[in-house]
PDB file of N, CA and C in Angstrom:
ATOM      1  N   UNK A   1      -7.823 -25.531   7.135  1.00  0.00           N
ATOM      2  CA  UNK A   1      -7.556 -24.251   6.755  1.00  0.00           C
ATOM      3  C   UNK A   1      -5.761 -24.834   5.805  1.00  0.00           C
ATOM      4  N   UNK A   2      -5.126 -24.531   4.719  1.00  0.00           N
ATOM      5  CA  UNK A   2      -4.235 -24.937   4.733  1.00  0.00           C
ATOM      6  C   UNK A   2      -3.211 -24.014   4.750  1.00  0.00           C
ATOM      7  N   UNK A   3      -2.174 -24.430   5.430  1.00  0.00           N
ATOM      8  CA  UNK A   3      -1.053 -23.643   5.602  1.00  0.00           C
ATOM      9  C   UNK A   3       0.091 -24.179   4.427  1.00  0.00           C
ATOM     10  N   UNK A   4       0.671 -22.881   4.164  1.00  0.00           N
ATOM     11  CA  UNK A   4       1.917 -22.676   3.320  1.00  0.00           C
ATOM     12  C   UNK A   4       3.107 -22.385   3.487  1.00  0.00           C
ATOM     13  N   UNK A   5       4.769 -23.214   3.737  1.00  0.00           N
ATOM     14  CA  UNK A   5       5.357 -22.747   4.787  1.00  0.00           C
ATOM     15  C   UNK A   5       6.366 -22.502   3.474  1.00  0.00           C
ATOM     16  N   UNK A   6       7.560 -21.099   3.448  1.00  0.00           N
ATOM     17  CA  UNK A   6       8.168 -21.153   2.962  1.00  0.00           C
ATOM     18  C   UNK A   6       9.605 -20.919   3.414  1.00  0.00           C
ATOM     19  N   UNK A   7      10.365 -21.506   3.241  1.00  0.00           N
ATOM     20  CA  UNK A   7      11.699 -21.593   3.833  1.00  0.00           C
ATOM     21  C   UNK A   7      12.974 -20.784   2.776  1.00  0.00           C
ATOM     22  N   UNK A   8      13.609 -20.205   3.389  1.00  0.00           N
ATOM     23  CA  UNK A   8      14.609 -19.268   2.417  1.00  0.00           C
ATOM     24  C   UNK A   8      15.706 -19.401   3.322  1.00  0.00           C
ATOM     25  N   UNK A   9      17.038 -19.774   2.258  1.00  0.00           N
ATOM     26  CA  UNK A   9      18.071 -20.140   2.908  1.00  0.00           C
ATOM     27  C   UNK A   9      18.593 -18.520   1.834  1.00  0.00           C
ATOM     28  N   UNK A  10      19.950 -17.925   2.390  1.00  0.00           N
ATOM     29  CA  UNK A  10      20.477 -16.660   2.103  1.00  0.00           C
ATOM     30  C   UNK A  10      19.672 -16.208   0.940  1.00  0.00           C
ATOM     31  N   UNK A  11      18.446 -15.879   1.049  1.00  0.00           N
ATOM     32  CA  UNK A  11      17.589 -15.035   0.113  1.00  0.00           C
ATOM     33  C   UNK A  11      16.813 -16.142  -0.340  1.00  0.00           C
ATOM     34  N   UNK A  12      16.729 -17.200  -0.954  1.00  0.00           N
ATOM     35  CA  UNK A  12      16.373 -18.086  -1.738  1.00  0.00           C
ATOM     36  C   UNK A  12      15.396 -19.070  -1.181  1.00  0.00           C
ATOM     37  N   UNK A  13      14.635 -19.358  -1.767  1.00  0.00           N
ATOM     38  CA  UNK A  13      13.533 -20.222  -1.435  1.00  0.00           C
ATOM     39  C   UNK A  13      14.275 -21.511  -2.003  1.00  0.00           C
ATOM     40  N   UNK A  14      14.436 -22.325  -0.942  1.00  0.00           N
ATOM     41  CA  UNK A  14      14.641 -23.851  -0.901  1.00  0.00           C
ATOM     42  C   UNK A  14      13.413 -25.004  -0.626  1.00  0.00           C
ATOM     43  N   UNK A  15      12.417 -24.657  -0.052  1.00  0.00           N
ATOM     44  CA  UNK A  15      11.668 -25.443   0.771  1.00  0.00           C
ATOM     45  C   UNK A  15      10.193 -24.834   0.413  1.00  0.00           C
ATOM     46  N   UNK A  16       9.542 -25.815   0.131  1.00  0.00           N
ATOM     47  CA  UNK A  16       7.923 -25.078   0.512  1.00  0.00           C
ATOM     48  C   UNK A  16       7.199 -26.197   0.926  1.00  0.00           C
ATOM     49  N   UNK A  17       5.609 -26.214   1.434  1.00  0.00           N
ATOM     50  CA  UNK A  17       5.654 -27.155   2.313  1.00  0.00           C
ATOM     51  C   UNK A  17       4.161 -26.591   2.539  1.00  0.00           C
ATOM     52  N   UNK A  18       2.965 -27.319   1.885  1.00  0.00           N
ATOM     53  CA  UNK A  18       1.748 -27.344   1.823  1.00  0.00           C
ATOM     54  C   UNK A  18       0.598 -28.121   2.653  1.00  0.00           C
ATOM     55  N   UNK A  19       0.398 -28.095   3.449  1.00  0.00           N
ATOM     56  CA  UNK A  19      -0.580 -28.895   4.232  1.00  0.00           C
ATOM     57  C   UNK A  19      -2.382 -28.549   4.555  1.00  0.00           C
ATOM     58  N   UNK A  20      -3.137 -29.553   4.524  1.00  0.00           N
ATOM     59  CA  UNK A  20      -4.063 -29.346   4.919  1.00  0.00           C
ATOM     60  C   UNK A  20      -5.123 -28.587   4.276  1.00  0.00           C
ATOM     61  N   UNK A  21      -6.623 -29.462   4.030  1.00  0.00           N
ATOM     62  CA  UNK A  21      -7.428 -28.214   3.147  1.00  0.00           C
ATOM     63  C   UNK A  21      -8.422 -26.974   3.155  1.00  0.00           C
ATOM     64  N   UNK A  22      -8.206 -26.219   2.600  1.00  0.00           N
ATOM     65  CA  UNK A  22      -8.676 -24.795   2.999  1.00  0.00           C
ATOM     66  C   UNK A  22     -10.669 -24.809   3.396  1.00  0.00           C
ATOM     67  N   UNK A  23     -11.185 -25.681   3.615  1.00  0.00           N
ATOM     68  CA  UNK A  23     -12.748 -25.381   4.126  1.00  0.00           C
ATOM     69  C   UNK A  23     -12.985 -24.608   3.722  1.00  0.00           C
ATOM     70  N   UNK A  24     -12.864 -24.148   2.274  1.00  0.00           N
ATOM     71  CA  UNK A  24     -13.604 -22.454   2.277  1.00  0.00           C
ATOM     72  C   UNK A  24     -15.147 -23.333   1.184  1.00  0.00           C
ATOM     73  N   UNK A  25     -14.644 -24.684   0.874  1.00  0.00           N
ATOM     74  CA  UNK A  25     -16.057 -25.332   0.079  1.00  0.00           C
ATOM     75  C   UNK A  25     -16.422 -26.643   0.162  1.00  0.00           C
ATOM     76  N   UNK A  26     -17.715 -27.045  -0.292  1.00  0.00           N
ATOM     77  CA  UNK A  26     -17.481 -28.754   0.013  1.00  0.00           C
ATOM     78  C   UNK A  26     -16.593 -29.424  -0.469  1.00  0.00           C
ATOM     79  N   UNK A  27     -15.947 -30.249  -0.632  1.00  0.00           N
ATOM     80  CA  UNK A  27     -14.982 -31.127  -1.004  1.00  0.00           C
ATOM     81  C   UNK A  27     -15.620 -31.148  -2.567  1.00  0.00           C
ATOM     82  N   UNK A  28     -14.413 -31.294  -3.640  1.00  0.00           N
ATOM     83  CA  UNK A  28     -14.732 -31.206  -4.735  1.00  0.00           C
ATOM     84  C   UNK A  28     -14.978 -29.995  -5.417  1.00  0.00           C
ATOM     85  N   UNK A  29     -15.721 -28.905  -4.466  1.00  0.00           N
ATOM     86  CA  UNK A  29     -16.216 -28.101  -5.607  1.00  0.00           C
ATOM     87  C   UNK A  29     -15.387 -26.596  -4.806  1.00  0.00           C
ATOM     88  N   UNK A  30     -14.451 -27.267  -4.097  1.00  0.00           N
ATOM     89  CA  UNK A  30     -13.719 -26.195  -3.156  1.00  0.00           C
ATOM     90  C   UNK A  30     -12.624 -25.385  -3.976  1.00  0.00           C
ATOM     91  N   UNK A  31     -13.166 -24.041  -4.545  1.00  0.00           N
ATOM     92  CA  UNK A  31     -12.440 -22.933  -5.092  1.00  0.00           C
ATOM     93  C   UNK A  31     -10.633 -22.603  -4.683  1.00  0.00           C
ATOM     94  N   UNK A  32     -10.603 -22.688  -3.479  1.00  0.00           N
ATOM     95  CA  UNK A  32      -9.809 -22.210  -2.514  1.00  0.00           C
ATOM     96  C   UNK A  32      -8.424 -22.696  -2.627  1.00  0.00           C
ATOM     97  N   UNK A  33      -9.090 -24.529  -2.199  1.00  0.00           N
ATOM     98  CA  UNK A  33      -8.307 -25.555  -2.615  1.00  0.00           C
ATOM     99  C   UNK A  33      -7.710 -25.398  -3.765  1.00  0.00           C
ATOM    100  N   UNK A  34      -9.097 -25.742  -5.006  1.00  0.00           N
ATOM    101  CA  UNK A  34      -8.109 -25.993  -5.964  1.00  0.00           C
ATOM    102  C   UNK A  34      -7.346 -24.850  -7.106  1.00  0.00           C
ATOM    103  N   UNK A  35      -7.455 -23.417  -6.526  1.00  0.00           N
ATOM    104  CA  UNK A  35      -6.366 -22.455  -6.486  1.00  0.00           C
ATOM    105  C   UNK A  35      -5.741 -22.568  -6.281  1.00  0.00           C
ATOM    106  N   UNK A  36      -5.354 -23.023  -4.692  1.00  0.00           N
ATOM    107  CA  UNK A  36      -3.668 -23.372  -4.424  1.00  0.00           C
ATOM    108  C   UNK A  36      -3.304 -24.400  -4.661  1.00  0.00           C
ATOM    109  N   UNK A  37      -3.566 -25.705  -4.724  1.00  0.00           N
ATOM    110  CA  UNK A  37      -3.383 -26.771  -5.568  1.00  0.00           C
ATOM    111  C   UNK A  37      -2.284 -26.870  -6.710  1.00  0.00           C
ATOM    112  N   UNK A  38      -3.630 -25.913  -7.585  1.00  0.00           N
ATOM    113  CA  UNK A  38      -3.162 -25.958  -8.335  1.00  0.00           C
ATOM    114  C   UNK A  38      -1.791 -24.797  -9.226  1.00  0.00           C
ATOM    115  N   UNK A  39      -1.615 -23.788  -8.290  1.00  0.00           N
ATOM    116  CA  UNK A  39      -0.453 -23.242  -8.372  1.00  0.00           C
ATOM    117  C   UNK A  39       0.584 -24.050  -7.694  1.00  0.00           C
ATOM    118  N   UNK A  40       0.434 -24.622  -6.634  1.00  0.00           N
ATOM    119  CA  UNK A  40       1.670 -25.386  -6.449  1.00  0.00           C
ATOM    120  C   UNK A  40       2.095 -26.265  -7.066  1.00  0.00           C
ATOM    121  N   UNK A  41       1.548 -27.249  -7.842  1.00  0.00           N
ATOM    122  CA  UNK A  41       1.512 -28.167  -8.347  1.00  0.00           C
ATOM    123  C   UNK A  41       2.405 -27.846  -9.863  1.00  0.00           C
ATOM    124  N   UNK A  42       1.649 -26.682 -10.092  1.00  0.00           N
ATOM    125  CA  UNK A  42       2.449 -26.397 -11.374  1.00  0.00           C
ATOM    126  C   UNK A  42       4.221 -25.686 -11.180  1.00  0.00           C
ATOM    127  N   UNK A  43       3.916 -25.260 -10.303  1.00  0.00           N
ATOM    128  CA  UNK A  43       5.546 -24.856  -9.616  1.00  0.00           C
ATOM    129  C   UNK A  43       6.668 -25.875  -9.804  1.00  0.00           C
ATOM    130  N   UNK A  44       5.572 -27.050  -9.170  1.00  0.00           N
ATOM    131  CA  UNK A  44       6.386 -28.054  -8.826  1.00  0.00           C
ATOM    132  C   UNK A  44       7.023 -28.795 -10.276  1.00  0.00           C
ATOM    133  N   UNK A  45       5.875 -29.154 -10.882  1.00  0.00           N
ATOM    134  CA  UNK A  45       6.536 -29.642 -12.470  1.00  0.00           C
ATOM    135  C   UNK A  45       7.316 -28.590 -13.250  1.00  0.00           C
ATOM    136  N   UNK A  46       7.325 -27.011 -12.622  1.00  0.00           N
ATOM    137  CA  UNK A  46       8.366 -26.159 -13.178  1.00  0.00           C
ATOM    138  C   UNK A  46       9.358 -26.257 -13.017  1.00  0.00           C
ATOM    139  N   UNK A  47       9.873 -26.728 -11.921  1.00  0.00           N
ATOM    140  CA  UNK A  47      10.687 -26.703 -11.107  1.00  0.00           C
ATOM    141  C   UNK A  47      11.459 -28.469 -11.796  1.00  0.00           C
ATOM    142  N   UNK A  48      10.698 -29.073 -12.262  1.00  0.00           N
ATOM    143  CA  UNK A  48      10.679 -30.617 -12.353  1.00  0.00           C
ATOM    144  C   UNK A  48      11.108 -30.741 -13.593  1.00  0.00           C
ATOM    145  N   UNK A  49      10.471 -30.020 -14.612  1.00  0.00           N
ATOM    146  CA  UNK A  49      10.178 -30.376 -16.100  1.00  0.00           C
ATOM    147  C   UNK A  49      10.568 -29.387 -16.765  1.00  0.00           C
ATOM    148  N   UNK A  50      10.560 -28.058 -16.107  1.00  0.00           N
ATOM    149  CA  UNK A  50      11.796 -26.708 -16.899  1.00  0.00           C
ATOM    150  C   UNK A  50      12.775 -26.557 -16.935  1.00  0.00           C
ATOM    151  N   UNK A  51      13.333 -26.559 -15.548  1.00  0.00           N
ATOM    152  CA  UNK A  51      14.368 -26.065 -14.617  1.00  0.00           C
ATOM    153  C   UNK A  51      15.527 -27.691 -14.296  1.00  0.00           C
ATOM    154  N   UNK A  52      14.564 -28.012 -14.721  1.00  0.00           N
ATOM    155  CA  UNK A  52      14.901 -29.726 -14.522  1.00  0.00           C
ATOM    156  C   UNK A  52      16.062 -30.424 -13.517  1.00  0.00           C
ATOM    157  N   UNK A  53      15.423 -29.700 -12.085  1.00  0.00           N
ATOM    158  CA  UNK A  53      16.121 -30.065 -10.982  1.00  0.00           C
ATOM    159  C   UNK A  53      15.756 -31.315 -10.571  1.00  0.00           C
ATOM    160  N   UNK A  54      16.434 -32.310 -10.080  1.00  0.00           N
ATOM    161  CA  UNK A  54      15.942 -33.491  -9.108  1.00  0.00           C
ATOM    162  C   UNK A  54      15.247 -32.946  -7.932  1.00  0.00           C
ATOM    163  N   UNK A  55      14.345 -32.358  -7.839  1.00  0.00           N
ATOM    164  CA  UNK A  55      14.192 -32.040  -6.045  1.00  0.00           C
ATOM    165  C   UNK A  55      13.489 -33.074  -5.652  1.00  0.00           C
ATOM    166  N   UNK A  56      13.565 -33.215  -4.253  1.00  0.00           N
ATOM    167  CA  UNK A  56      12.782 -34.185  -2.956  1.00  0.00           C
ATOM    168  C   UNK A  56      11.220 -33.709  -3.385  1.00  0.00           C
ATOM    169  N   UNK A  57      10.177 -34.554  -3.860  1.00  0.00           N
ATOM    170  CA  UNK A  57       9.145 -34.030  -3.786  1.00  0.00           C
ATOM    171  C   UNK A  57       7.921 -35.083  -3.379  1.00  0.00           C
ATOM    172  N   UNK A  58       7.690 -34.815  -2.142  1.00  0.00           N
ATOM    173  CA  UNK A  58       6.238 -35.858  -1.749  1.00  0.00           C
ATOM    174  C   UNK A  58       4.798 -35.169  -1.731  1.00  0.00           C
ATOM    175  N   UNK A  59       4.107 -36.001  -1.475  1.00  0.00           N
ATOM    176  CA  UNK A  59       2.836 -35.972  -1.507  1.00  0.00           C
ATOM    177  C   UNK A  59       1.761 -36.550  -1.123  1.00  0.00           C
ATOM    178  N   UNK A  60       0.605 -36.363  -0.219  1.00  0.00           N
ATOM    179  CA  UNK A  60      -0.210 -36.679   0.234  1.00  0.00           C
ATOM    180  C   UNK A  60      -1.834 -36.478  -0.007  1.00  0.00           C
ATOM    181  N   UNK A  61      -2.402 -36.693  -1.211  1.00  0.00           N
ATOM    182  CA  UNK A  61      -3.813 -35.850  -1.300  1.00  0.00           C
ATOM    183  C   UNK A  61      -4.769 -36.264  -0.075  1.00  0.00           C
ATOM    184  N   UNK A  62      -4.683 -37.427   0.573  1.00  0.00           N
ATOM    185  CA  UNK A  62      -5.535 -37.540   1.584  1.00  0.00           C
ATOM    186  C   UNK A  62      -5.265 -36.551   2.501  1.00  0.00           C
ATOM    187  N   UNK A  63      -4.397 -35.776   3.337  1.00  0.00           N
ATOM    188  CA  UNK A  63      -4.266 -35.091   4.112  1.00  0.00           C
ATOM    189  C   UNK A  63      -3.747 -33.635   3.804  1.00  0.00           C
ATOM    190  N   UNK A  64      -3.700 -33.524   1.941  1.00  0.00           N
ATOM    191  CA  UNK A  64      -3.984 -32.270   1.650  1.00  0.00           C
ATOM    192  C   UNK A  64      -2.015 -31.603   1.961  1.00  0.00           C
ATOM    193  N   UNK A  65      -1.060 -32.451   1.461  1.00  0.00           N
ATOM    194  CA  UNK A  65       0.191 -32.460   1.997  1.00  0.00           C
ATOM    195  C   UNK A  65       1.345 -32.545   0.913  1.00  0.00           C
ATOM    196  N   UNK A  66       2.069 -31.496   0.612  1.00  0.00           N
ATOM    197  CA  UNK A  66       3.219 -31.561  -0.355  1.00  0.00           C
ATOM    198  C   UNK A  66       4.495 -31.062   0.271  1.00  0.00           C
ATOM    199  N   UNK A  67       5.345 -31.335  -0.051  1.00  0.00           N
ATOM    200  CA  UNK A  67       6.810 -30.586   0.170  1.00  0.00           C
ATOM    201  C   UNK A  67       7.426 -30.867  -1.191  1.00  0.00           C
ATOM    202  N   UNK A  68       7.950 -29.852  -1.097  1.00  0.00           N
ATOM    203  CA  UNK A  68       9.479 -29.614  -2.358  1.00  0.00           C
ATOM    204  C   UNK A  68      10.183 -29.036  -1.764  1.00  0.00           C
ATOM    205  N   UNK A  69      11.616 -29.710  -1.995  1.00  0.00           N
ATOM    206  CA  UNK A  69      12.782 -29.359  -1.345  1.00  0.00           C
ATOM    207  C   UNK A  69      13.917 -29.404  -2.009  1.00  0.00           C
ATOM    208  N   UNK A  70      14.375 -27.958  -2.493  1.00  0.00           N
ATOM    209  CA  UNK A  70      15.609 -28.029  -3.424  1.00  0.00           C
ATOM    210  C   UNK A  70      16.914 -28.455  -3.142  1.00  0.00           C
ATOM    211  N   UNK A  71      17.728 -28.984  -3.804  1.00  0.00           N
ATOM    212  CA  UNK A  71      19.181 -29.625  -3.454  1.00  0.00           C
ATOM    213  C   UNK A  71      20.221 -28.632  -3.600  1.00  0.00           C
ATOM    214  N   UNK A  72      21.403 -29.098  -2.898  1.00  0.00           N
ATOM    215  CA  UNK A  72      22.227 -28.104  -3.396  1.00  0.00           C
ATOM    216  C   UNK A  72      22.861 -28.660  -4.384  1.00  0.00           C
ATOM    217  N   UNK A  73      23.554 -27.797  -5.059  1.00  0.00           N
ATOM    218  CA  UNK A  73      24.974 -28.206  -6.176  1.00  0.00           C
ATOM    219  C   UNK A  73      24.185 -28.103  -7.650  1.00  0.00           C
ATOM    220  N   UNK A  74      22.765 -27.323  -7.518  1.00  0.00           N
ATOM    221  CA  UNK A  74      22.444 -27.275  -8.622  1.00  0.00           C
ATOM    222  C   UNK A  74      23.604 -26.239  -9.260  1.00  0.00           C
ATOM    223  N   UNK A  75      22.806 -25.614 -11.237  1.00  0.00           N
ATOM    224  CA  UNK A  75      23.467 -25.313 -11.596  1.00  0.00           C
ATOM    225  C   UNK A  75      23.796 -23.488 -11.417  1.00  0.00           C
ATOM    226  N   UNK A  76      23.586 -22.700 -11.933  1.00  0.00           N
ATOM    227  CA  UNK A  76      23.497 -21.141 -11.628  1.00  0.00           C
ATOM    228  C   UNK A  76      22.273 -21.011 -12.738  1.00  0.00           C
ATOM    229  N   UNK A  77      22.213 -21.211 -13.239  1.00  0.00           N
ATOM    230  CA  UNK A  77      20.974 -21.479 -14.905  1.00  0.00           C
ATOM    231  C   UNK A  77      19.883 -21.778 -13.593  1.00  0.00           C
ATOM    232  N   UNK A  78      20.056 -22.944 -13.128  1.00  0.00           N
ATOM    233  CA  UNK A  78      18.940 -23.902 -12.406  1.00  0.00           C
ATOM    234  C   UNK A  78      18.783 -22.904 -11.649  1.00  0.00           C
ATOM    235  N   UNK A  79      19.345 -22.392 -10.265  1.00  0.00           N
ATOM    236  CA  UNK A  79      19.077 -21.847  -9.177  1.00  0.00           C
ATOM    237  C   UNK A  79      18.310 -20.458 -10.101  1.00  0.00           C
ATOM    238  N   UNK A  80      18.716 -19.617 -11.131  1.00  0.00           N
ATOM    239  CA  UNK A  80      17.884 -18.483 -11.401  1.00  0.00           C
ATOM    240  C   UNK A  80      16.840 -18.901 -11.582  1.00  0.00           C
ATOM    241  N   UNK A  81      16.506 -20.383 -12.338  1.00  0.00           N
ATOM    242  CA  UNK A  81      14.966 -20.685 -13.039  1.00  0.00           C
ATOM    243  C   UNK A  81      14.839 -21.188 -11.700  1.00  0.00           C
ATOM    244  N   UNK A  82      15.163 -22.210 -10.946  1.00  0.00           N
ATOM    245  CA  UNK A  82      14.336 -22.241  -9.407  1.00  0.00           C
ATOM    246  C   UNK A  82      13.478 -21.050  -9.137  1.00  0.00           C
ATOM    247  N   UNK A  83      14.283 -19.945  -8.790  1.00  0.00           N
ATOM    248  CA  UNK A  83      13.922 -18.752  -8.237  1.00  0.00           C
ATOM    249  C   UNK A  83      12.570 -18.126  -8.912  1.00  0.00           C
ATOM    250  N   UNK A  84      12.751 -17.978  -9.993  1.00  0.00           N
ATOM    251  CA  UNK A  84      11.705 -17.216 -10.705  1.00  0.00           C
ATOM    252  C   UNK A  84      10.674 -17.968 -10.329  1.00  0.00           C
ATOM    253  N   UNK A  85      10.016 -19.339 -10.930  1.00  0.00           N
ATOM    254  CA  UNK A  85       9.230 -20.335 -10.277  1.00  0.00           C
ATOM    255  C   UNK A  85       8.626 -19.685  -9.023  1.00  0.00           C
ATOM    256  N   UNK A  86       9.513 -20.090  -7.853  1.00  0.00           N
ATOM    257  CA  UNK A  86       9.515 -19.790  -6.728  1.00  0.00           C
ATOM    258  C   UNK A  86       8.974 -18.800  -6.184  1.00  0.00           C
ATOM    259  N   UNK A  87       9.803 -17.846  -7.090  1.00  0.00           N
ATOM    260  CA  UNK A  87       9.155 -16.554  -6.439  1.00  0.00           C
ATOM    261  C   UNK A  87       7.665 -16.182  -7.003  1.00  0.00           C
ATOM    262  N   UNK A  88       7.544 -16.412  -8.159  1.00  0.00           N
ATOM    263  CA  UNK A  88       6.104 -16.421  -9.050  1.00  0.00           C
ATOM    264  C   UNK A  88       5.237 -16.742  -7.798  1.00  0.00           C
ATOM    265  N   UNK A  89       5.234 -18.701  -7.469  1.00  0.00           N
ATOM    266  CA  UNK A  89       4.465 -19.210  -6.547  1.00  0.00           C
ATOM    267  C   UNK A  89       4.379 -18.447  -5.572  1.00  0.00           C
ATOM    268  N   UNK A  90       5.386 -17.825  -4.689  1.00  0.00           N
ATOM    269  CA  UNK A  90       5.426 -17.270  -3.797  1.00  0.00           C
ATOM    270  C   UNK A  90       4.075 -16.071  -3.615  1.00  0.00           C
ATOM    271  N   UNK A  91       4.021 -15.209  -4.369  1.00  0.00           N
ATOM    272  CA  UNK A  91       3.574 -13.868  -5.036  1.00  0.00           C
ATOM    273  C   UNK A  91       2.094 -15.066  -5.336  1.00  0.00           C
ATOM    274  N   UNK A  92       1.551 -15.865  -6.363  1.00  0.00           N
ATOM    275  CA  UNK A  92       0.385 -16.260  -6.082  1.00  0.00           C
ATOM    276  C   UNK A  92      -0.349 -16.583  -5.013  1.00  0.00           C
ATOM    277  N   UNK A  93       0.171 -17.302  -3.724  1.00  0.00           N
ATOM    278  CA  UNK A  93      -0.197 -17.849  -2.667  1.00  0.00           C
ATOM    279  C   UNK A  93      -0.269 -16.775  -1.504  1.00  0.00           C
ATOM    280  N   UNK A  94       0.685 -15.613  -2.061  1.00  0.00           N
ATOM    281  CA  UNK A  94       0.401 -14.548  -1.101  1.00  0.00           C
ATOM    282  C   UNK A  94      -0.963 -13.876  -1.173  1.00  0.00           C
ATOM    283  N   UNK A  95      -0.795 -13.912  -2.788  1.00  0.00           N
ATOM    284  CA  UNK A  95      -2.337 -13.193  -3.429  1.00  0.00           C
ATOM    285  C   UNK A  95      -3.774 -13.884  -2.859  1.00  0.00           C
ATOM    286  N   UNK A  96      -3.399 -15.141  -2.953  1.00  0.00           N
ATOM    287  CA  UNK A  96      -4.365 -16.270  -1.708  1.00  0.00           C
ATOM    288  C   UNK A  96      -4.515 -15.938  -0.519  1.00  0.00           C
ATOM    289  N   UNK A  97      -3.562 -15.075   0.496  1.00  0.00           N
ATOM    290  CA  UNK A  97      -3.570 -15.543   1.498  1.00  0.00           C
ATOM    291  C   UNK A  97      -4.261 -14.335   2.314  1.00  0.00           C
ATOM    292  N   UNK A  98      -4.076 -13.096   1.201  1.00  0.00           N
ATOM    293  CA  UNK A  98      -4.831 -11.891   1.337  1.00  0.00           C
ATOM    294  C   UNK A  98      -6.116 -11.927   1.127  1.00  0.00           C
ATOM    295  N   UNK A  99      -6.335 -12.256   0.266  1.00  0.00           N
ATOM    296  CA  UNK A  99      -8.312 -12.467  -0.152  1.00  0.00           C
ATOM    297  C   UNK A  99      -8.908 -13.621   0.847  1.00  0.00           C
ATOM    298  N   UNK A 100      -8.169 -14.786   1.623  1.00  0.00           N
ATOM    299  CA  UNK A 100      -8.815 -15.907   2.182  1.00  0.00           C
ATOM    300  C   UNK A 100      -8.243 -16.224   2.955  1.00  0.00           C
ATOM    301  N   UNK A 101      -7.907 -15.159   3.660  1.00  0.00           N
ATOM    302  CA  UNK A 101      -6.898 -15.357   4.925  1.00  0.00           C
ATOM    303  C   UNK A 101      -7.479 -16.343   5.969  1.00  0.00           C
ATOM    304  N   UNK A 102      -8.573 -16.488   5.799  1.00  0.00           N
ATOM    305  CA  UNK A 102      -9.509 -17.677   7.083  1.00  0.00           C
ATOM    306  C   UNK A 102      -9.338 -18.611   6.508  1.00  0.00           C
ATOM    307  N   UNK A 103      -8.615 -19.382   5.218  1.00  0.00           N
ATOM    308  CA  UNK A 103      -8.454 -20.841   4.799  1.00  0.00           C
ATOM    309  C   UNK A 103      -6.938 -20.360   4.172  1.00  0.00           C
ATOM    310  N   UNK A 104      -6.569 -20.081   4.201  1.00  0.00           N
ATOM    311  CA  UNK A 104      -5.490 -19.623   3.646  1.00  0.00           C
ATOM    312  C   UNK A 104      -4.076 -19.459   4.559  1.00  0.00           C
ATOM    313  N   UNK A 105      -3.147 -19.864   5.123  1.00  0.00           N
ATOM    314  CA  UNK A 105      -2.105 -19.123   6.380  1.00  0.00           C
ATOM    315  C   UNK A 105      -0.525 -19.105   5.568  1.00  0.00           C
ATOM    316  N   UNK A 106      -0.476 -18.125   5.547  1.00  0.00           N
ATOM    317  CA  UNK A 106       1.370 -17.996   5.196  1.00  0.00           C
ATOM    318  C   UNK A 106       2.202 -17.671   5.872  1.00  0.00           C
ATOM    319  N   UNK A 107       3.916 -19.051   5.791  1.00  0.00           N
ATOM    320  CA  UNK A 107       4.664 -18.208   6.763  1.00  0.00           C
ATOM    321  C   UNK A 107       5.703 -18.480   5.777  1.00  0.00           C
ATOM    322  N   UNK A 108       6.616 -17.588   5.587  1.00  0.00           N
ATOM    323  CA  UNK A 108       7.996 -17.320   5.252  1.00  0.00           C
ATOM    324  C   UNK A 108       9.231 -16.987   6.115  1.00  0.00           C
ATOM    325  N   UNK A 109      10.298 -17.679   6.103  1.00  0.00           N
ATOM    326  CA  UNK A 109      10.723 -18.081   7.054  1.00  0.00           C
ATOM    327  C   UNK A 109      12.184 -18.361   6.632  1.00  0.00           C
ATOM    328  N   UNK A 110      13.419 -17.723   7.434  1.00  0.00           N
ATOM    329  CA  UNK A 110      14.965 -17.565   7.211  1.00  0.00           C
ATOM    330  C   UNK A 110      15.640 -18.751   7.866  1.00  0.00           C
ATOM    331  N   UNK A 111      15.851 -19.274   7.162  1.00  0.00           N
ATOM    332  CA  UNK A 111      17.575 -20.299   8.126  1.00  0.00           C
ATOM    333  C   UNK A 111      18.156 -19.595   8.652  1.00  0.00           C
TER     334      UNK A 111
END
């Protein structure tokens, strides 16, 4: 199962942590794992390459782990862009969770 945890602070998403392989299909043919990996990695690319935020980013393919942390001190425009990207990601992960709840677990917490 893939667990995706979104952490908010004052209503803004500041951290995303995903861990685990969904187990929906055989490795290399798992469409649910491919879907969640694709949308999460695309959001990371958006934060780093479009919003131009120097976010903390860790990945470990072996265990299916990804961490993205948004730093404090970014501009108002960057905050806006990051939130558009990450709110869209949350919608996508939420949709996958609804369709494949036995394989994708979603948690949203507030600091």
